[in-house]
């Protein structure tokens, strides 16, 4: 995936935990490969690397009734409106997969340390 502005991944950006506000570029919501969750992918607004996060259905905070889903022992897919609203409120982190300089050994994600909220979200492959 390449950003429309032509920005390329800045592999030399030093790891820095920083909240960037609302991301200026769009993100895409897809069905996870196994069909039991959704995937949000786009371009990190700080290092411009391709980044993606997966959210499992049935986990509290991801758009389902976690306890009900746990009791049923099967994930329940939320409606598109539910997930769209939740994804826009969620804080996303750079998960570009590149170990940027000064990346701590205990960093929760391999990336540049940036976090943001998604401002634009389009659907692709979500039923």
Protein backbone atom coordinates (compact mmCIF):
# COMPACT_ATOMS: atom_id res chain seq x y z
CA UNK A 1 0.00 0.00 0.00
CA UNK A 2 1.43 3.38 -0.93
CA UNK A 3 0.28 6.73 0.35
CA UNK A 4 -1.17 9.01 -2.31
CA UNK A 5 1.19 11.85 -1.38
CA UNK A 6 4.15 9.72 -2.43
CA UNK A 7 5.72 9.67 1.06
CA UNK A 8 7.99 6.68 1.62
CA UNK A 9 8.62 4.78 4.82
CA UNK A 10 11.13 6.67 6.97
CA UNK A 11 13.13 3.75 8.37
CA UNK A 12 15.43 6.18 10.21
CA UNK A 13 12.68 7.82 12.30
CA UNK A 14 13.74 7.29 15.91
CA UNK A 15 11.24 5.46 18.12
CA UNK A 16 9.20 8.01 20.03
CA UNK A 17 5.93 7.35 21.85
CA UNK A 18 3.79 10.20 20.61
CA UNK A 19 0.07 10.79 20.11
CA UNK A 20 -0.55 12.53 16.78
CA UNK A 21 -4.28 13.24 17.06
CA UNK A 22 -6.51 12.32 14.12
CA UNK A 23 -4.65 10.75 11.20
CA UNK A 24 -4.83 12.89 8.05
CA UNK A 25 -4.88 9.91 5.69
CA UNK A 26 -7.63 7.35 5.21
CA UNK A 27 -7.67 3.83 6.57
CA UNK A 28 -9.43 0.74 5.28
CA UNK A 29 -11.49 -1.73 7.29
CA UNK A 30 -11.25 -5.31 6.06
CA UNK A 31 -12.44 -8.68 7.32
CA UNK A 32 -9.62 -10.55 9.07
CA UNK A 33 -8.24 -13.45 7.04
CA UNK A 34 -9.83 -16.03 9.35
CA UNK A 35 -13.17 -14.16 9.29
CA UNK A 36 -13.30 -13.85 13.10
CA UNK A 37 -12.46 -10.20 13.38
CA UNK A 38 -11.59 -7.14 11.40
CA UNK A 39 -8.41 -5.54 10.19
CA UNK A 40 -7.71 -1.81 9.97
CA UNK A 41 -4.88 -0.88 7.66
CA UNK A 42 -3.34 2.27 6.32
CA UNK A 43 -0.17 4.35 6.51
CA UNK A 44 1.42 5.52 9.75
CA UNK A 45 1.18 9.32 9.82
CA UNK A 46 4.65 9.61 11.40
CA UNK A 47 6.99 7.13 9.67
CA UNK A 48 4.74 6.52 6.60
CA UNK A 49 5.12 2.74 6.91
CA UNK A 50 2.29 0.37 6.06
CA UNK A 51 0.52 -0.53 9.29
CA UNK A 52 -2.34 -2.83 10.20
CA UNK A 53 -4.13 -3.81 13.40
CA UNK A 54 -6.51 -6.72 13.93
CA UNK A 55 -9.44 -6.69 16.33
CA UNK A 56 -11.09 -9.97 17.28
CA UNK A 57 -14.87 -10.27 17.55
CA UNK A 58 -16.15 -11.16 21.01
CA UNK A 59 -13.49 -9.25 22.93
CA UNK A 60 -14.78 -6.43 25.13
CA UNK A 61 -14.00 -3.04 23.63
CA UNK A 62 -14.11 -4.23 20.03
CA UNK A 63 -17.78 -3.74 19.31
CA UNK A 64 -19.40 -6.84 20.78
CA UNK A 65 -20.96 -7.88 24.03
CA UNK A 66 -17.86 -9.63 25.35
CA UNK A 67 -19.53 -11.59 28.16
CA UNK A 68 -22.40 -12.75 25.96
CA UNK A 69 -19.96 -13.82 23.26
CA UNK A 70 -17.83 -15.65 25.83
CA UNK A 71 -20.86 -17.52 27.18
CA UNK A 72 -21.88 -18.55 23.66
CA UNK A 73 -18.27 -19.65 23.01
CA UNK A 74 -18.61 -18.30 19.49
CA UNK A 75 -17.68 -14.85 18.27
CA UNK A 76 -20.58 -12.62 17.30
CA UNK A 77 -19.83 -10.16 14.53
CA UNK A 78 -21.10 -6.67 15.34
CA UNK A 79 -22.89 -4.54 12.79
CA UNK A 80 -20.87 -2.35 10.42
CA UNK A 81 -22.21 0.78 12.12
CA UNK A 82 -21.04 -0.49 15.53
CA UNK A 83 -17.53 -1.32 14.35
CA UNK A 84 -17.19 1.88 12.31
CA UNK A 85 -18.02 4.00 15.35
CA UNK A 86 -15.71 2.02 17.64
CA UNK A 87 -12.77 2.10 15.24
CA UNK A 88 -13.02 5.89 14.95
CA UNK A 89 -12.79 6.16 18.75
CA UNK A 90 -9.98 3.59 19.13
CA UNK A 91 -6.37 4.73 19.51
CA UNK A 92 -4.24 2.95 16.89
CA UNK A 93 -0.50 2.36 17.09
CA UNK A 94 2.21 2.11 14.45
CA UNK A 95 2.65 -1.57 13.70
CA UNK A 96 4.79 -1.14 10.59
CA UNK A 97 6.98 -4.06 11.66
CA UNK A 98 10.23 -2.11 11.30
CA UNK A 99 12.38 -1.92 14.46
CA UNK A 100 12.99 1.83 14.39
CA UNK A 101 16.17 3.16 16.09
CA UNK A 102 15.89 3.22 19.92
CA UNK A 103 12.95 0.76 19.92
CA UNK A 104 12.74 -0.49 23.54
CA UNK A 105 12.97 -4.25 24.04
CA UNK A 106 9.60 -4.19 25.83
CA UNK A 107 7.77 -2.01 23.28
CA UNK A 108 4.19 -3.27 22.79
CA UNK A 109 4.40 -2.91 18.98
CA UNK A 110 7.23 -2.98 16.46
CA UNK A 111 7.06 0.43 14.82
CA UNK A 112 7.98 4.06 15.34
CA UNK A 113 5.97 4.58 18.55
CA UNK A 114 3.30 6.83 17.07
CA UNK A 115 -0.36 6.56 18.00
CA UNK A 116 -3.43 8.24 16.51
CA UNK A 117 -7.15 8.04 15.93
CA UNK A 118 -8.55 7.26 12.49
CA UNK A 119 -10.42 10.15 10.87
CA UNK A 120 -11.54 8.43 7.66
CA UNK A 121 -12.43 4.78 7.30
CA UNK A 122 -13.58 2.99 4.19
CA UNK A 123 -14.91 -0.56 3.96
CA UNK A 124 -13.44 -3.28 1.82
CA UNK A 125 -14.33 -6.93 2.23
CA UNK A 126 -16.51 -6.47 5.31
CA UNK A 127 -19.87 -8.15 5.18
